[in-house]
Amino acid sequence: MNRTVYGCLLAALVAFLFVSLGLNALQFMTLVGSSLPGLPVQPEKLTEKIVVSGKTGVSDRIVHLDLEGIISSMSTGGFLEAALPSVDTIKRSLEQALEDDQVKAIVLRVNSPGGEVTASDIIYAAVKKAAEKKPVVVYMDSVAASGGYYVACGATKVVASETTLTASIGVIMSSTNYHELYGKVGLAPQTFTSGAYKDTLSGSRPMREDEKAYIQGLVDTMYDRFLGIVSDARKVPKDVLRNTVADGRIVTGRQALDAKLVDQIGYIEDAYTLARELGAAPDAMVVKYESQPTLFSVLGMASAKAQTPAKVEVDFTSGVMPKLQPGMMYYLPGSYLH
């Protein structure tokens, strides 16, 4: 009896060893293959979750995507990817929706105050590209301001709620000057630069007038691009926008409709209805894409967590105020920088 038990245990250990070796070999081949030039890497296919059922026997789909929180080029990965979608996740979702013949239209729910200039521009370009092939309806949730509105300009149609806060058309760049504090504590920085503007926005010294003009010029250039995108999307002259709602102010959904910044007032269900109409799919179901973490990603996260030294931090602003980088341009309301 004991020999039988020991034999079973030994067989189980041997089987586990072979499975472990097989998984490690597969992971190694995947990593090596993805790093070799010329070898195509197939992106992970997202799975579908039905949100609203369609008519029985109808395979037409409306894909619902979410753009939530601060728009950033930072990639979260793993389990947080669905909750905090990165630029790559949004692009990958749009591409999959375009490749699927059963998808007749896309609804992009935006609940974001904006974020990084370049990240917002990349998502806008991806939305605009998708809208050239299939209808894309943006639904503005609680807030779709600045970079959030920038993204919406790429869509076929834009739906806002009465209580949506949107617009905030503008660019902001900020830094903190602490050179007087240095003087009080007896510190004197020494900086060596290769040019007059290399340490522009340094907080350790007063900013020169020519530097202020230089930075303002950069902000104005980005603002003019933002203004042009809104003007082209909404068919409103740039001068009209500049002299009315494009001065950085936040407006409600109703005010945005009056200013021709959105197409209609409604809720997410109205966005679904509009998408079905534009996609000629009145009986289509509504689905969401989900990213399923693989065994390797889970093991990789666990390994990284195990290797990270433990530390205790108390951050009273976490989840309330985003951690923005000094000297970086943002499409965000000014209140997010203070």
Protein backbone atom coordinates (compact mmCIF):
# COMPACT_ATOMS: atom_id res chain seq x y z
CA MET A 1 0.00 0.00 0.00
CA ASN A 2 2.78 2.39 0.97
CA ARG A 3 4.67 1.53 -2.20
CA THR A 4 1.58 2.34 -4.25
CA VAL A 5 1.22 5.74 -2.54
CA TYR A 6 4.90 6.54 -2.99
CA GLY A 7 4.68 5.47 -6.63
CA CYS A 8 1.73 7.79 -7.26
CA LEU A 9 3.51 10.69 -5.56
CA LEU A 10 6.65 10.05 -7.59
CA ALA A 11 4.65 9.90 -10.82
CA ALA A 12 2.88 13.15 -9.92
CA LEU A 13 6.18 14.89 -9.18
CA VAL A 14 7.68 13.69 -12.46
CA ALA A 15 4.59 14.86 -14.38
CA PHE A 16 4.73 18.24 -12.64
CA LEU A 17 8.41 18.54 -13.52
CA PHE A 18 7.77 17.87 -17.20
CA VAL A 19 4.86 20.33 -17.29
CA SER A 20 7.01 22.98 -15.61
CA LEU A 21 9.86 22.39 -18.06
CA GLY A 22 7.42 22.57 -20.97
CA LEU A 23 5.95 25.88 -19.80
CA ASN A 24 9.39 27.36 -19.24
CA ALA A 25 10.51 26.23 -22.69
CA LEU A 26 7.38 27.71 -24.27
CA GLN A 27 7.86 31.00 -22.44
CA PHE A 28 11.51 31.11 -23.52
CA MET A 29 10.59 30.47 -27.16
CA THR A 30 7.92 33.17 -27.01
CA LEU A 31 10.31 35.73 -25.58
CA VAL A 32 13.06 34.85 -28.04
CA GLY A 33 10.68 34.81 -30.98
CA SER A 34 9.21 38.21 -30.13
CA SER A 35 12.67 39.73 -29.92
CA LEU A 36 13.93 38.40 -33.26
CA PRO A 37 13.66 40.84 -36.17
CA GLY A 38 11.50 39.80 -39.08
CA LEU A 39 9.30 37.45 -37.08
CA PRO A 40 5.66 38.62 -36.89
CA VAL A 41 4.20 38.86 -33.40
CA GLN A 42 0.48 38.17 -33.24
CA PRO A 43 -1.31 40.49 -30.79
CA GLU A 44 -3.47 38.89 -28.14
CA LYS A 45 -7.08 38.60 -29.28
CA LEU A 46 -9.49 40.26 -26.88
CA THR A 47 -12.51 38.31 -25.70
CA GLU A 48 -16.10 39.54 -25.87
CA LYS A 49 -18.61 40.07 -23.09
CA ILE A 50 -22.23 40.73 -24.00
CA VAL A 51 -23.54 43.97 -22.46
CA VAL A 52 -26.88 44.22 -24.27
CA SER A 53 -28.41 41.22 -26.01
CA GLY A 54 -29.49 41.54 -29.62
CA LYS A 55 -32.20 39.81 -31.59
CA THR A 56 -32.00 36.03 -31.55
CA GLY A 57 -30.11 34.69 -34.53
CA VAL A 58 -28.51 38.06 -35.38
CA SER A 59 -24.71 38.13 -35.17
CA ASP A 60 -24.28 41.88 -35.73
CA ARG A 61 -22.33 43.61 -32.97
CA ILE A 62 -21.79 47.08 -31.56
CA VAL A 63 -18.51 47.24 -29.66
CA HIS A 64 -18.44 49.31 -26.48
CA LEU A 65 -15.02 50.68 -25.47
CA ASP A 66 -14.14 52.73 -22.38
CA LEU A 67 -11.64 55.58 -22.06
CA GLU A 68 -11.48 56.28 -18.34
CA GLY A 69 -9.28 58.52 -16.20
CA ILE A 70 -6.17 60.50 -17.07
CA ILE A 71 -5.04 59.86 -20.65
CA SER A 72 -1.45 58.69 -20.47
CA SER A 73 1.10 56.80 -22.51
CA MET A 74 1.90 54.74 -19.41
CA SER A 75 1.03 51.07 -19.84
CA THR A 76 -0.43 49.28 -16.80
CA GLY A 77 -0.66 45.72 -18.14
CA GLY A 78 -1.86 42.66 -16.26
CA PHE A 79 -5.11 42.79 -14.29
CA LEU A 80 -5.21 46.61 -14.27
CA GLU A 81 -5.24 46.88 -18.06
CA ALA A 82 -9.02 46.61 -18.29
CA ALA A 83 -9.58 49.19 -15.55
CA LEU A 84 -6.95 51.65 -16.74
CA PRO A 85 -6.69 51.21 -20.50
CA SER A 86 -3.49 52.47 -22.06
CA VAL A 87 -3.02 54.02 -25.48
CA ASP A 88 -2.01 50.63 -26.88
CA THR A 89 -5.09 48.93 -25.40
CA ILE A 90 -7.47 51.43 -27.01
CA LYS A 91 -5.68 51.15 -30.36
CA ARG A 92 -5.70 47.35 -30.21
CA SER A 93 -9.41 47.32 -29.39
CA LEU A 94 -10.23 49.64 -32.29
CA GLU A 95 -8.16 47.54 -34.69
CA GLN A 96 -9.90 44.32 -33.64
CA ALA A 97 -13.31 45.96 -34.06
CA LEU A 98 -12.37 47.08 -37.57
CA GLU A 99 -11.14 43.61 -38.56
CA ASP A 100 -14.33 41.89 -37.35
CA ASP A 101 -16.98 41.91 -40.10
CA GLN A 102 -19.68 41.26 -37.51
CA VAL A 103 -18.92 44.59 -35.81
CA LYS A 104 -21.05 47.24 -37.47
CA ALA A 105 -20.22 50.25 -35.28
CA ILE A 106 -18.24 51.32 -32.22
CA VAL A 107 -19.32 53.23 -29.13
CA LEU A 108 -16.45 54.87 -27.24
CA ARG A 109 -17.47 55.97 -23.76
CA VAL A 110 -15.22 58.80 -22.60
CA ASN A 111 -15.02 59.64 -18.91
CA SER A 112 -11.77 61.59 -18.76
CA PRO A 113 -10.61 65.10 -17.88
CA GLY A 114 -7.83 64.76 -20.47
CA GLY A 115 -4.15 64.07 -20.06
CA GLU A 116 -0.90 64.06 -21.97
CA VAL A 117 -0.88 65.96 -25.26
CA THR A 118 0.76 63.23 -27.31
CA ALA A 119 -1.24 60.37 -25.77
CA SER A 120 -4.49 62.25 -26.48
CA ASP A 121 -3.37 62.92 -30.05
CA ILE A 122 -2.51 59.25 -30.67
CA ILE A 123 -5.92 58.06 -29.48
CA TYR A 124 -7.65 60.81 -31.48
CA ALA A 125 -5.84 59.66 -34.63
CA ALA A 126 -6.82 56.03 -33.96
CA VAL A 127 -10.49 57.00 -33.44
CA LYS A 128 -10.50 59.12 -36.59
CA LYS A 129 -8.94 56.30 -38.61
CA ALA A 130 -11.56 53.86 -37.30
CA ALA A 131 -14.37 56.31 -38.11
CA GLU A 132 -13.26 56.35 -41.75
CA LYS A 133 -14.17 52.65 -42.00
CA LYS A 134 -16.97 52.14 -39.48
CA PRO A 135 -19.23 54.51 -37.54
CA VAL A 136 -17.76 55.60 -34.20
CA VAL A 137 -20.04 57.22 -31.63
CA VAL A 138 -18.46 58.90 -28.62
CA TYR A 139 -20.58 59.03 -25.49
CA MET A 140 -19.41 61.62 -22.98
CA ASP A 141 -20.02 60.47 -19.43
CA SER A 142 -19.47 62.65 -16.34
CA VAL A 143 -16.49 64.48 -17.84
CA ALA A 144 -14.92 64.60 -21.29
CA ALA A 145 -12.81 67.71 -21.03
CA SER A 146 -9.68 68.92 -22.77
CA GLY A 147 -7.85 65.79 -23.98
CA GLY A 148 -11.08 63.83 -23.50
CA TYR A 149 -12.86 66.20 -25.88
CA TYR A 150 -9.84 66.15 -28.21
CA VAL A 151 -10.31 62.39 -28.60
CA ALA A 152 -14.05 62.84 -29.25
CA CYS A 153 -13.29 65.04 -32.26
CA GLY A 154 -12.21 61.94 -34.17
CA ALA A 155 -15.63 60.31 -33.93
CA THR A 156 -18.50 60.16 -36.42
CA LYS A 157 -21.00 61.51 -33.88
CA VAL A 158 -20.76 62.77 -30.29
CA VAL A 159 -23.44 62.28 -27.62
CA ALA A 160 -23.30 64.11 -24.28
CA SER A 161 -25.42 64.00 -21.18
CA GLU A 162 -27.09 67.15 -19.87
CA THR A 163 -24.73 67.04 -16.90
CA THR A 164 -21.54 66.19 -18.78
CA LEU A 165 -18.64 68.57 -18.20
CA THR A 166 -16.73 69.06 -21.41
CA ALA A 167 -14.74 71.49 -23.61
CA SER A 168 -11.78 72.97 -21.66
CA ILE A 169 -10.18 73.48 -25.05
CA GLY A 170 -6.63 74.53 -24.30
CA VAL A 171 -3.13 73.52 -23.27
CA ILE A 172 -1.44 73.89 -19.90
CA MET A 173 2.17 73.56 -18.77
CA SER A 174 3.36 74.14 -15.26
CA SER A 175 6.45 74.14 -13.06
CA THR A 176 7.27 75.14 -9.48
CA ASN A 177 9.88 77.78 -8.69
CA TYR A 178 11.69 77.32 -5.39
CA HIS A 179 14.83 79.46 -5.77
CA GLU A 180 13.79 81.77 -2.90
CA LEU A 181 13.44 78.73 -0.63
CA TYR A 182 16.98 77.72 -1.60
CA GLY A 183 18.21 81.09 -0.41
CA LYS A 184 16.50 80.72 2.96
CA VAL A 185 18.14 77.39 3.68
CA GLY A 186 21.54 78.36 2.33
CA LEU A 187 21.55 76.29 -0.85
CA ALA A 188 22.98 77.56 -4.15
CA PRO A 189 22.56 75.29 -7.20
CA GLN A 190 25.26 75.04 -9.83
CA THR A 191 24.11 74.05 -13.30
CA PHE A 192 26.17 73.62 -16.47
CA THR A 193 24.26 73.64 -19.76
CA SER A 194 25.11 73.40 -23.44
CA GLY A 195 22.66 76.15 -24.39
CA ALA A 196 20.64 79.05 -23.03
CA TYR A 197 17.37 77.09 -22.96
CA LYS A 198 18.63 73.73 -21.72
CA ASP A 199 17.51 74.32 -18.13
CA THR A 200 14.36 76.27 -18.95
CA LEU A 201 11.63 75.62 -16.34
CA SER A 202 14.25 74.89 -13.71
CA GLY A 203 12.79 75.81 -10.35
CA SER A 204 16.17 76.70 -8.89
CA ARG A 205 16.37 80.13 -10.56
CA PRO A 206 14.02 82.87 -11.82
CA MET A 207 12.77 82.44 -15.36
CA ARG A 208 14.03 84.95 -17.93
CA GLU A 209 11.59 86.90 -20.11
CA ASP A 210 12.85 85.24 -23.30
CA GLU A 211 12.24 81.82 -21.70
CA LYS A 212 8.68 82.80 -20.83
CA ALA A 213 8.10 83.82 -24.44
CA TYR A 214 9.67 80.56 -25.64
CA ILE A 215 7.46 78.36 -23.45
CA GLN A 216 4.35 80.37 -24.29
CA GLY A 217 5.14 79.85 -27.96
CA LEU A 218 5.21 76.09 -27.49
CA VAL A 219 1.89 76.17 -25.64
CA ASP A 220 0.34 78.39 -28.33
CA THR A 221 1.49 75.98 -31.07
CA MET A 222 -0.17 73.03 -29.35
CA TYR A 223 -3.29 75.10 -28.70
CA ASP A 224 -3.54 76.10 -32.35
CA ARG A 225 -3.43 72.43 -33.34
CA PHE A 226 -6.16 71.61 -30.83
CA LEU A 227 -8.24 74.51 -32.17
CA GLY A 228 -7.78 73.33 -35.75
CA ILE A 229 -8.89 69.79 -34.91
CA VAL A 230 -12.04 71.04 -33.18
CA SER A 231 -12.76 73.42 -36.06
CA ASP A 232 -12.40 70.69 -38.69
CA ALA A 233 -14.46 68.16 -36.71
CA ARG A 234 -17.29 70.48 -35.72
CA LYS A 235 -17.30 72.74 -38.79
CA VAL A 236 -16.94 75.87 -36.68
CA PRO A 237 -14.42 78.57 -37.72
CA LYS A 238 -11.33 78.84 -35.53
CA ASP A 239 -11.94 82.54 -34.84
CA VAL A 240 -15.45 81.79 -33.60
CA LEU A 241 -14.15 79.08 -31.29
CA ARG A 242 -11.28 81.24 -30.04
CA ASN A 243 -13.61 84.08 -29.13
CA THR A 244 -16.24 81.90 -27.45
CA VAL A 245 -15.83 78.43 -25.90
CA ALA A 246 -12.18 77.72 -26.77
CA ASP A 247 -10.68 79.87 -24.01
CA GLY A 248 -10.21 77.00 -21.58
CA ARG A 249 -13.64 77.13 -19.98
CA ILE A 250 -15.61 74.03 -19.03
CA VAL A 251 -19.20 73.80 -20.27
CA THR A 252 -22.13 71.47 -19.67
CA GLY A 253 -23.46 69.06 -22.24
CA ARG A 254 -26.36 71.37 -23.08
CA GLN A 255 -24.02 74.33 -23.51
CA ALA A 256 -21.77 72.18 -25.68
CA LEU A 257 -24.74 71.36 -27.92
CA ASP A 258 -25.57 75.05 -28.24
CA ALA A 259 -21.94 75.73 -29.19
CA LYS A 260 -22.01 72.88 -31.77
CA LEU A 261 -19.38 70.90 -29.88
CA VAL A 262 -21.62 67.80 -29.70
CA ASP A 263 -24.36 66.35 -31.88
CA GLN A 264 -27.06 65.41 -29.41
CA ILE A 265 -28.00 65.08 -25.75
CA GLY A 266 -28.63 61.62 -24.37
CA TYR A 267 -27.41 58.67 -22.35
CA ILE A 268 -25.34 55.60 -23.21
CA GLU A 269 -28.46 53.82 -24.48
CA ASP A 270 -28.99 56.67 -26.94
CA ALA A 271 -25.41 56.23 -28.11
CA TYR A 272 -26.12 52.52 -28.71
CA THR A 273 -29.26 53.41 -30.68
CA LEU A 274 -27.35 55.92 -32.79
CA ALA A 275 -24.56 53.41 -33.43
CA ARG A 276 -27.09 50.79 -34.57
CA GLU A 277 -28.67 53.35 -36.88
CA LEU A 278 -25.35 54.48 -38.38
CA GLY A 279 -24.18 50.87 -38.74
CA ALA A 280 -27.45 49.74 -40.31
CA ALA A 281 -27.76 47.07 -37.63
CA PRO A 282 -30.98 47.72 -35.70
CA ASP A 283 -30.95 44.31 -33.97
CA ALA A 284 -27.24 44.22 -33.06
CA MET A 285 -26.04 43.15 -29.64
CA VAL A 286 -23.61 45.32 -27.66
CA VAL A 287 -20.36 43.72 -26.52
CA LYS A 288 -17.33 44.81 -24.56
CA TYR A 289 -13.77 43.65 -25.14
CA GLU A 290 -11.86 42.11 -22.26
CA SER A 291 -8.20 41.21 -21.95
CA GLN A 292 -7.62 37.84 -20.31
CA PRO A 293 -4.30 37.68 -18.42
CA THR A 294 -2.17 34.73 -19.45
CA LEU A 295 -0.37 32.36 -17.11
CA PHE A 296 2.94 33.96 -18.04
CA SER A 297 1.70 37.49 -17.30
CA VAL A 298 0.41 36.35 -13.90
CA LEU A 299 3.70 34.61 -13.10
CA GLY A 300 5.61 37.64 -14.34
CA MET A 301 3.61 39.97 -12.10
CA ALA A 302 4.12 37.66 -9.13
CA SER A 303 7.85 37.48 -9.83
CA ALA A 304 8.16 41.25 -10.14
CA LYS A 305 6.19 41.72 -6.94
CA ALA A 306 8.43 39.27 -5.11
CA GLN A 307 11.55 41.08 -6.27
CA THR A 308 10.30 44.54 -5.31
CA PRO A 309 11.52 45.59 -1.85
CA ALA A 310 8.73 46.29 0.58
CA LYS A 311 8.14 49.92 1.53
CA VAL A 312 5.44 51.88 3.28
CA GLU A 313 4.08 55.06 1.70
CA VAL A 314 1.23 57.33 2.75
CA ASP A 315 -0.18 59.33 -0.18
CA PHE A 316 -3.22 61.44 0.64
CA THR A 317 -3.62 62.53 -3.00
CA SER A 318 -3.68 59.05 -4.53
CA GLY A 319 -6.89 58.52 -6.47
CA VAL A 320 -7.84 62.19 -6.01
CA MET A 321 -5.19 64.15 -7.92
CA PRO A 322 -3.14 62.75 -10.79
CA LYS A 323 0.63 62.80 -10.50
CA LEU A 324 1.52 65.11 -13.36
CA GLN A 325 5.05 65.70 -14.53
CA PRO A 326 6.52 69.24 -14.35
CA GLY A 327 7.44 70.63 -17.75
CA MET A 328 5.11 68.29 -19.69
CA MET A 329 2.23 69.64 -21.76
CA TYR A 330 -1.28 68.48 -20.92
CA TYR A 331 -4.76 68.83 -22.30
CA LEU A 332 -6.27 69.22 -18.81
CA PRO A 333 -8.35 71.74 -16.87
CA GLY A 334 -6.09 74.05 -14.85
CA SER A 335 -7.47 72.81 -11.54
CA TYR A 336 -5.70 69.47 -12.05
CA LEU A 337 -2.29 71.11 -11.69
CA HIS A 338 -2.88 72.62 -8.26
